[in-house]
Amino acid sequence: MTQPRNKILENLANSECEVIFQKKDGTPRVMKCTLNSQLVPNGVKSDVYKSLLRSLKEENNVIPVWDMQKNSWRSFRSNSVEEIRTVGVFSEQTKAVTSNNEDVEEDD
């Protein structure tokens, strides 16, 4: 089931999520990830963080996220998401994070 991009972004901004999606090669991938600034380590929030926030405002399918297990920026295509589950919810006062696309590795 394809999720609307804005709903995916809302969940990621407010929570740690488990996202199940199809990689470019067609294999399934399960990623625990977030865009919640309280969950991203301080050392990686600088310019990368600001650039990601700008890129999220663009209308495209690629969503950059902080991978909680690999401790790095990754991305997936919103139209490849099969399911998204909330793992932990945070207050509405938290802010979404962002990063520089050159520092984001897209899972193939």
Protein backbone atom coordinates (compact mmCIF):
# COMPACT_ATOMS: atom_id res chain seq x y z
CA MET A 1 0.00 0.00 0.00
CA THR A 2 1.53 3.31 -1.10
CA GLN A 3 1.55 6.01 1.57
CA PRO A 4 1.13 9.72 0.75
CA ARG A 5 4.51 11.50 0.96
CA ASN A 6 3.23 14.11 3.41
CA LYS A 7 1.95 11.40 5.80
CA ILE A 8 5.31 9.60 5.67
CA LEU A 9 7.12 12.87 6.45
CA GLU A 10 4.74 13.65 9.31
CA ASN A 11 5.31 10.22 10.89
CA LEU A 12 9.09 10.52 10.51
CA ALA A 13 9.17 14.04 11.98
CA ASN A 14 7.27 12.98 15.09
CA SER A 15 8.57 9.45 15.64
CA GLU A 16 11.06 6.72 15.11
CA CYS A 17 9.52 4.59 12.38
CA GLU A 18 10.01 1.22 10.80
CA VAL A 19 9.67 1.72 7.06
CA ILE A 20 9.23 -1.25 4.76
CA PHE A 21 9.99 -0.44 1.13
CA GLN A 22 11.24 -1.94 -2.10
CA LYS A 23 14.82 -1.12 -3.05
CA LYS A 24 15.61 -0.20 -6.67
CA ASP A 25 16.56 -3.81 -7.38
CA GLY A 26 13.14 -4.98 -6.14
CA THR A 27 14.30 -6.53 -2.88
CA PRO A 28 12.47 -5.57 0.31
CA ARG A 29 14.17 -3.45 2.98
CA VAL A 30 13.12 -2.70 6.54
CA MET A 31 14.66 0.47 7.97
CA LYS A 32 14.28 1.97 11.43
CA CYS A 33 14.61 5.68 10.77
CA THR A 34 13.50 9.17 11.72
CA LEU A 35 13.51 12.87 10.93
CA ASN A 36 13.01 13.78 14.57
CA SER A 37 15.73 16.20 15.66
CA GLN A 38 15.78 14.78 19.19
CA LEU A 39 16.87 11.40 17.84
CA VAL A 40 19.61 12.52 15.44
CA PRO A 41 23.06 12.85 17.05
CA ASN A 42 24.18 16.47 17.49
CA GLY A 43 27.36 15.99 15.46
CA VAL A 44 25.48 15.36 12.21
CA LYS A 45 22.89 18.12 12.40
CA SER A 46 24.95 21.02 11.04
CA ASP A 47 24.81 21.97 7.35
CA VAL A 48 23.71 18.48 6.35
CA TYR A 49 20.69 18.84 8.63
CA LYS A 50 19.73 22.25 7.17
CA SER A 51 20.14 21.08 3.59
CA LEU A 52 17.90 18.07 4.17
CA LEU A 53 15.17 20.31 5.57
CA ARG A 54 15.28 22.35 2.37
CA SER A 55 15.19 19.22 0.20
CA LEU A 56 12.11 17.91 2.03
CA LYS A 57 10.18 20.95 0.86
CA GLU A 58 10.81 20.00 -2.76
CA GLU A 59 8.25 17.84 -4.47
CA ASN A 60 10.12 14.66 -5.30
CA ASN A 61 9.93 11.01 -4.34
CA VAL A 62 13.23 10.77 -2.44
CA ILE A 63 12.97 11.06 1.33
CA PRO A 64 16.25 11.42 3.24
CA VAL A 65 16.17 9.97 6.77
CA TRP A 66 18.45 9.19 9.70
CA ASP A 67 18.91 5.39 9.79
CA MET A 68 18.79 4.45 13.49
CA GLN A 69 20.66 1.17 12.99
CA LYS A 70 23.38 2.32 10.58
CA ASN A 71 23.77 5.72 12.28
CA SER A 72 23.95 7.55 8.97
CA TRP A 73 21.81 9.42 6.48
CA ARG A 74 19.96 7.18 4.01
CA SER A 75 17.04 7.68 1.68
CA PHE A 76 14.18 5.85 0.04
CA ARG A 77 11.57 6.68 -2.57
CA SER A 78 8.15 7.49 -1.13
CA ASN A 79 6.42 5.60 -3.94
CA SER A 80 8.27 2.41 -2.92
CA VAL A 81 6.97 2.38 0.68
CA GLU A 82 4.81 -0.63 1.42
CA GLU A 83 4.26 0.02 5.11
CA ILE A 84 5.32 2.44 7.83
CA ARG A 85 5.01 1.66 11.52
CA THR A 86 5.55 4.07 14.38
CA VAL A 87 8.09 2.74 16.89
CA GLY A 88 8.15 5.73 19.27
CA VAL A 89 6.19 9.00 19.30
CA PHE A 90 7.50 12.36 20.49
CA SER A 91 5.84 15.67 21.25
CA GLU A 92 4.55 17.93 18.49
CA GLN A 93 7.15 20.51 19.54
CA THR A 94 9.96 18.49 17.97
CA LYS A 95 11.32 19.64 14.63
CA ALA A 96 12.12 17.67 11.50
CA VAL A 97 15.78 17.30 10.58
CA THR A 98 17.47 17.67 7.26
CA SER A 99 20.76 16.95 5.55
CA ASN A 100 22.81 17.58 2.44
CA ASN A 101 21.85 15.26 -0.43
CA GLU A 102 25.53 14.57 -1.15
CA ASP A 103 25.84 13.04 2.32
CA VAL A 104 22.75 10.85 1.94
CA GLU A 105 23.18 7.35 0.60
CA GLU A 106 20.17 6.01 -1.23
CA ASP A 107 19.51 2.33 -0.66
CA ASP A 108 19.49 0.68 -4.09
